[in-house]
Amino acid sequence: MGSGLDELSKLIVEQLQQDGRKSYAEIGKAVGLSEAAVRQRVQKLTDKGVMQIVAVTDPMQLGFYTQAMIGIRCNGDTTILADELSKLPEIDYVVITAGSFDILAEVVCENDDSLINLLNNKIRKFDGVTTTETFVYLKLQKQLYNWGTR
């Protein structure tokens, strides 16, 4: 199954993955399009949700010292629970999975106490949550956002 992107759009995405601050003119030179054509394609890609252009931060430098992945088992409709979990500001990543857990949620908290509060007073209080298992991050070894387009 293909990505649905033509070759030029893939090249533009790759350019932005290398440097999200690269100018449309620079990208145009690299892929053989005008600055205006690159601007239009980038707008279409962002409008369609194919990509986002954002600043990626280091949570620890912003005062968030506790990160964890929480495996959640539930009964009932996992999509409803995933939608509710997605509304919590402490959660930055939610996926419905097949396997030991029904849902995985990545959380970023100020400290261990705020993680305990999140677990006890929010996540475990949702209807359908049966168990949780928390995997606290000790060190972030690798984090990339340059998934290939090919």
C-alpha atoms as a PDB file:
ATOM      1  CA  MET A   1       0.000   0.000   0.000  1.00  0.00           C
ATOM      2  CA  GLY A   2       1.509   3.339  -1.056  1.00  0.00           C
ATOM      3  CA  SER A   3       1.605   6.579   0.864  1.00  0.00           C
ATOM      4  CA  GLY A   4      -0.523   8.492  -1.639  1.00  0.00           C
ATOM      5  CA  LEU A   5       2.194  11.155  -1.964  1.00  0.00           C
ATOM      6  CA  ASP A   6       3.877  11.905  -5.252  1.00  0.00           C
ATOM      7  CA  GLU A   7       7.658  11.970  -5.510  1.00  0.00           C
ATOM      8  CA  LEU A   8       7.944  15.770  -5.191  1.00  0.00           C
ATOM      9  CA  SER A   9       5.849  15.849  -2.014  1.00  0.00           C
ATOM     10  CA  LYS A  10       8.021  13.107  -0.526  1.00  0.00           C
ATOM     11  CA  LEU A  11      11.138  15.117  -1.349  1.00  0.00           C
ATOM     12  CA  ILE A  12       9.647  18.209   0.313  1.00  0.00           C
ATOM     13  CA  VAL A  13       8.802  16.222   3.453  1.00  0.00           C
ATOM     14  CA  GLU A  14      12.350  14.850   3.542  1.00  0.00           C
ATOM     15  CA  GLN A  15      13.786  18.366   3.242  1.00  0.00           C
ATOM     16  CA  LEU A  16      11.665  19.556   6.167  1.00  0.00           C
ATOM     17  CA  GLN A  17      12.618  16.493   8.232  1.00  0.00           C
ATOM     18  CA  GLN A  18      16.263  17.474   7.817  1.00  0.00           C
ATOM     19  CA  ASP A  19      15.562  21.065   8.849  1.00  0.00           C
ATOM     20  CA  GLY A  20      12.046  22.263   9.673  1.00  0.00           C
ATOM     21  CA  ARG A  21      13.208  25.883   9.394  1.00  0.00           C
ATOM     22  CA  LYS A  22      14.486  25.546   5.842  1.00  0.00           C
ATOM     23  CA  SER A  23      13.043  28.248   3.572  1.00  0.00           C
ATOM     24  CA  TYR A  24      10.661  27.422   0.758  1.00  0.00           C
ATOM     25  CA  ALA A  25      13.220  28.877  -1.652  1.00  0.00           C
ATOM     26  CA  GLU A  26      15.917  26.480  -0.394  1.00  0.00           C
ATOM     27  CA  ILE A  27      13.538  23.538  -0.599  1.00  0.00           C
ATOM     28  CA  GLY A  28      12.506  24.605  -4.100  1.00  0.00           C
ATOM     29  CA  LYS A  29      16.131  24.576  -5.263  1.00  0.00           C
ATOM     30  CA  ALA A  30      16.654  21.122  -3.797  1.00  0.00           C
ATOM     31  CA  VAL A  31      13.537  19.571  -5.361  1.00  0.00           C
ATOM     32  CA  GLY A  32      13.259  21.554  -8.601  1.00  0.00           C
ATOM     33  CA  LEU A  33      10.163  23.655  -7.836  1.00  0.00           C
ATOM     34  CA  SER A  34       9.477  27.346  -7.402  1.00  0.00           C
ATOM     35  CA  GLU A  35       9.155  28.838  -3.927  1.00  0.00           C
ATOM     36  CA  ALA A  36       5.411  29.386  -4.527  1.00  0.00           C
ATOM     37  CA  ALA A  37       4.892  25.763  -5.605  1.00  0.00           C
ATOM     38  CA  VAL A  38       6.678  24.506  -2.480  1.00  0.00           C
ATOM     39  CA  ARG A  39       4.580  26.814  -0.294  1.00  0.00           C
ATOM     40  CA  GLN A  40       1.360  25.458  -1.855  1.00  0.00           C
ATOM     41  CA  ARG A  41       2.435  21.839  -1.439  1.00  0.00           C
ATOM     42  CA  VAL A  42       3.483  22.351   2.188  1.00  0.00           C
ATOM     43  CA  GLN A  43       0.127  24.007   2.908  1.00  0.00           C
ATOM     44  CA  LYS A  44      -1.744  21.071   1.337  1.00  0.00           C
ATOM     45  CA  LEU A  45       0.344  18.547   3.297  1.00  0.00           C
ATOM     46  CA  THR A  46      -0.355  20.309   6.585  1.00  0.00           C
ATOM     47  CA  ASP A  47      -4.044  20.873   5.782  1.00  0.00           C
ATOM     48  CA  LYS A  48      -4.469  17.151   5.025  1.00  0.00           C
ATOM     49  CA  GLY A  49      -2.714  16.182   8.276  1.00  0.00           C
ATOM     50  CA  VAL A  50       0.130  14.435   6.444  1.00  0.00           C
ATOM     51  CA  MET A  51       2.610  16.434   8.523  1.00  0.00           C
ATOM     52  CA  GLN A  52       2.952  19.108  11.166  1.00  0.00           C
ATOM     53  CA  ILE A  53       5.701  21.653  11.513  1.00  0.00           C
ATOM     54  CA  VAL A  54       6.348  22.128  15.228  1.00  0.00           C
ATOM     55  CA  ALA A  55       9.106  22.858  17.717  1.00  0.00           C
ATOM     56  CA  VAL A  56      10.175  19.659  19.481  1.00  0.00           C
ATOM     57  CA  THR A  57      11.161  20.401  23.066  1.00  0.00           C
ATOM     58  CA  ASP A  58      13.152  18.634  25.756  1.00  0.00           C
ATOM     59  CA  PRO A  59      10.611  18.150  28.588  1.00  0.00           C
ATOM     60  CA  MET A  60      13.314  18.074  31.279  1.00  0.00           C
ATOM     61  CA  GLN A  61      14.571  21.519  30.298  1.00  0.00           C
ATOM     62  CA  LEU A  62      10.995  22.776  30.617  1.00  0.00           C
ATOM     63  CA  GLY A  63      10.622  21.423  34.166  1.00  0.00           C
ATOM     64  CA  PHE A  64       8.914  18.098  33.383  1.00  0.00           C
ATOM     65  CA  TYR A  65      11.178  15.536  35.040  1.00  0.00           C
ATOM     66  CA  THR A  66       8.979  12.428  34.909  1.00  0.00           C
ATOM     67  CA  GLN A  67       8.055  10.701  31.687  1.00  0.00           C
ATOM     68  CA  ALA A  68       6.415   7.308  31.386  1.00  0.00           C
ATOM     69  CA  MET A  69       4.553   4.954  29.103  1.00  0.00           C
ATOM     70  CA  ILE A  70       1.384   3.575  30.681  1.00  0.00           C
ATOM     71  CA  GLY A  71      -0.066   0.301  29.486  1.00  0.00           C
ATOM     72  CA  ILE A  72      -3.825   0.269  30.071  1.00  0.00           C
ATOM     73  CA  ARG A  73      -6.168  -2.702  30.026  1.00  0.00           C
ATOM     74  CA  CYS A  74      -9.854  -1.988  29.760  1.00  0.00           C
ATOM     75  CA  ASN A  75     -13.239  -3.454  29.077  1.00  0.00           C
ATOM     76  CA  GLY A  76     -15.695  -1.860  26.718  1.00  0.00           C
ATOM     77  CA  ASP A  77     -14.994   0.325  23.712  1.00  0.00           C
ATOM     78  CA  THR A  78     -11.284   1.163  23.533  1.00  0.00           C
ATOM     79  CA  THR A  79     -11.883   4.045  21.126  1.00  0.00           C
ATOM     80  CA  ILE A  80     -14.063   5.869  23.655  1.00  0.00           C
ATOM     81  CA  LEU A  81     -11.437   5.477  26.379  1.00  0.00           C
ATOM     82  CA  ALA A  82      -8.651   6.513  23.987  1.00  0.00           C
ATOM     83  CA  ASP A  83     -10.616   9.666  23.110  1.00  0.00           C
ATOM     84  CA  GLU A  84     -11.046  10.533  26.802  1.00  0.00           C
ATOM     85  CA  LEU A  85      -7.370   9.905  27.585  1.00  0.00           C
ATOM     86  CA  SER A  86      -6.384  12.096  24.635  1.00  0.00           C
ATOM     87  CA  LYS A  87      -8.052  15.072  26.318  1.00  0.00           C
ATOM     88  CA  LEU A  88      -5.674  14.976  29.316  1.00  0.00           C
ATOM     89  CA  PRO A  89      -2.922  17.597  28.934  1.00  0.00           C
ATOM     90  CA  GLU A  90      -0.320  15.349  30.586  1.00  0.00           C
ATOM     91  CA  ILE A  91      -0.739  12.716  27.862  1.00  0.00           C
ATOM     92  CA  ASP A  92       1.083  13.381  24.607  1.00  0.00           C
ATOM     93  CA  TYR A  93       0.641  10.062  22.804  1.00  0.00           C
ATOM     94  CA  VAL A  94      -2.227   7.562  22.776  1.00  0.00           C
ATOM     95  CA  VAL A  95      -2.446   4.387  20.691  1.00  0.00           C
ATOM     96  CA  ILE A  96      -4.923   1.534  20.659  1.00  0.00           C
ATOM     97  CA  THR A  97      -2.943  -1.684  20.526  1.00  0.00           C
ATOM     98  CA  ALA A  98      -3.242  -5.417  20.063  1.00  0.00           C
ATOM     99  CA  GLY A  99      -1.427  -7.514  22.640  1.00  0.00           C
ATOM    100  CA  SER A 100      -0.993  -7.328  26.397  1.00  0.00           C
ATOM    101  CA  PHE A 101      -2.464  -3.841  26.654  1.00  0.00           C
ATOM    102  CA  ASP A 102      -5.493  -2.299  25.007  1.00  0.00           C
ATOM    103  CA  ILE A 103      -4.049   1.218  25.036  1.00  0.00           C
ATOM    104  CA  LEU A 104      -0.597   2.747  25.468  1.00  0.00           C
ATOM    105  CA  ALA A 105      -0.363   6.336  26.691  1.00  0.00           C
ATOM    106  CA  GLU A 106       2.822   8.355  27.003  1.00  0.00           C
ATOM    107  CA  VAL A 107       2.782  10.931  29.780  1.00  0.00           C
ATOM    108  CA  VAL A 108       4.970  13.894  30.686  1.00  0.00           C
ATOM    109  CA  CYS A 109       4.715  15.082  34.315  1.00  0.00           C
ATOM    110  CA  GLU A 110       6.528  17.581  36.504  1.00  0.00           C
ATOM    111  CA  ASN A 111       7.555  14.955  39.050  1.00  0.00           C
ATOM    112  CA  ASP A 112       6.685  11.568  40.563  1.00  0.00           C
ATOM    113  CA  ASP A 113       3.906  13.044  42.712  1.00  0.00           C
ATOM    114  CA  SER A 114       2.155  14.471  39.667  1.00  0.00           C
ATOM    115  CA  LEU A 115       2.459  11.061  37.949  1.00  0.00           C
ATOM    116  CA  ILE A 116       0.859   9.361  40.975  1.00  0.00           C
ATOM    117  CA  ASN A 117      -1.917  11.954  40.949  1.00  0.00           C
ATOM    118  CA  LEU A 118      -2.499  11.445  37.220  1.00  0.00           C
ATOM    119  CA  LEU A 119      -2.719   7.674  37.650  1.00  0.00           C
ATOM    120  CA  ASN A 120      -4.905   7.603  40.763  1.00  0.00           C
ATOM    121  CA  ASN A 121      -7.172  10.587  40.226  1.00  0.00           C
ATOM    122  CA  LYS A 122      -7.571  10.640  36.467  1.00  0.00           C
ATOM    123  CA  ILE A 123      -6.554   7.583  34.429  1.00  0.00           C
ATOM    124  CA  ARG A 124      -7.738   4.869  36.841  1.00  0.00           C
ATOM    125  CA  LYS A 125     -11.032   6.716  37.391  1.00  0.00           C
ATOM    126  CA  PHE A 126     -12.142   6.419  33.765  1.00  0.00           C
ATOM    127  CA  ASP A 127     -14.957   3.960  33.141  1.00  0.00           C
ATOM    128  CA  GLY A 128     -13.648   0.730  31.706  1.00  0.00           C
ATOM    129  CA  VAL A 129     -10.066   0.931  33.021  1.00  0.00           C
ATOM    130  CA  THR A 130      -9.303  -2.406  34.666  1.00  0.00           C
ATOM    131  CA  THR A 131      -5.519  -2.259  35.184  1.00  0.00           C
ATOM    132  CA  THR A 132      -2.550  -0.061  34.390  1.00  0.00           C
ATOM    133  CA  GLU A 133       1.155  -0.750  34.243  1.00  0.00           C
ATOM    134  CA  THR A 134       3.567   2.170  34.293  1.00  0.00           C
ATOM    135  CA  PHE A 135       6.987   2.165  32.652  1.00  0.00           C
ATOM    136  CA  VAL A 136       8.925   5.187  33.959  1.00  0.00           C
ATOM    137  CA  TYR A 137      11.595   6.470  31.586  1.00  0.00           C
ATOM    138  CA  LEU A 138      15.051   6.530  33.172  1.00  0.00           C
ATOM    139  CA  LYS A 139      16.858   7.994  30.161  1.00  0.00           C
ATOM    140  CA  LEU A 140      15.789   8.956  26.679  1.00  0.00           C
ATOM    141  CA  GLN A 141      18.330   7.188  24.510  1.00  0.00           C
ATOM    142  CA  LYS A 142      16.969   8.005  21.050  1.00  0.00           C
ATOM    143  CA  GLN A 143      14.090  10.048  19.673  1.00  0.00           C
ATOM    144  CA  LEU A 144      13.802  10.843  15.976  1.00  0.00           C
ATOM    145  CA  TYR A 145      11.042  12.275  13.833  1.00  0.00           C
ATOM    146  CA  ASN A 146      12.509  11.552  10.424  1.00  0.00           C
ATOM    147  CA  TRP A 147      10.514   8.502   9.365  1.00  0.00           C
ATOM    148  CA  GLY A 148      11.188   7.736   5.764  1.00  0.00           C
ATOM    149  CA  THR A 149       8.837   8.553   2.949  1.00  0.00           C
ATOM    150  CA  ARG A 150      10.035   5.653   0.816  1.00  0.00           C
END
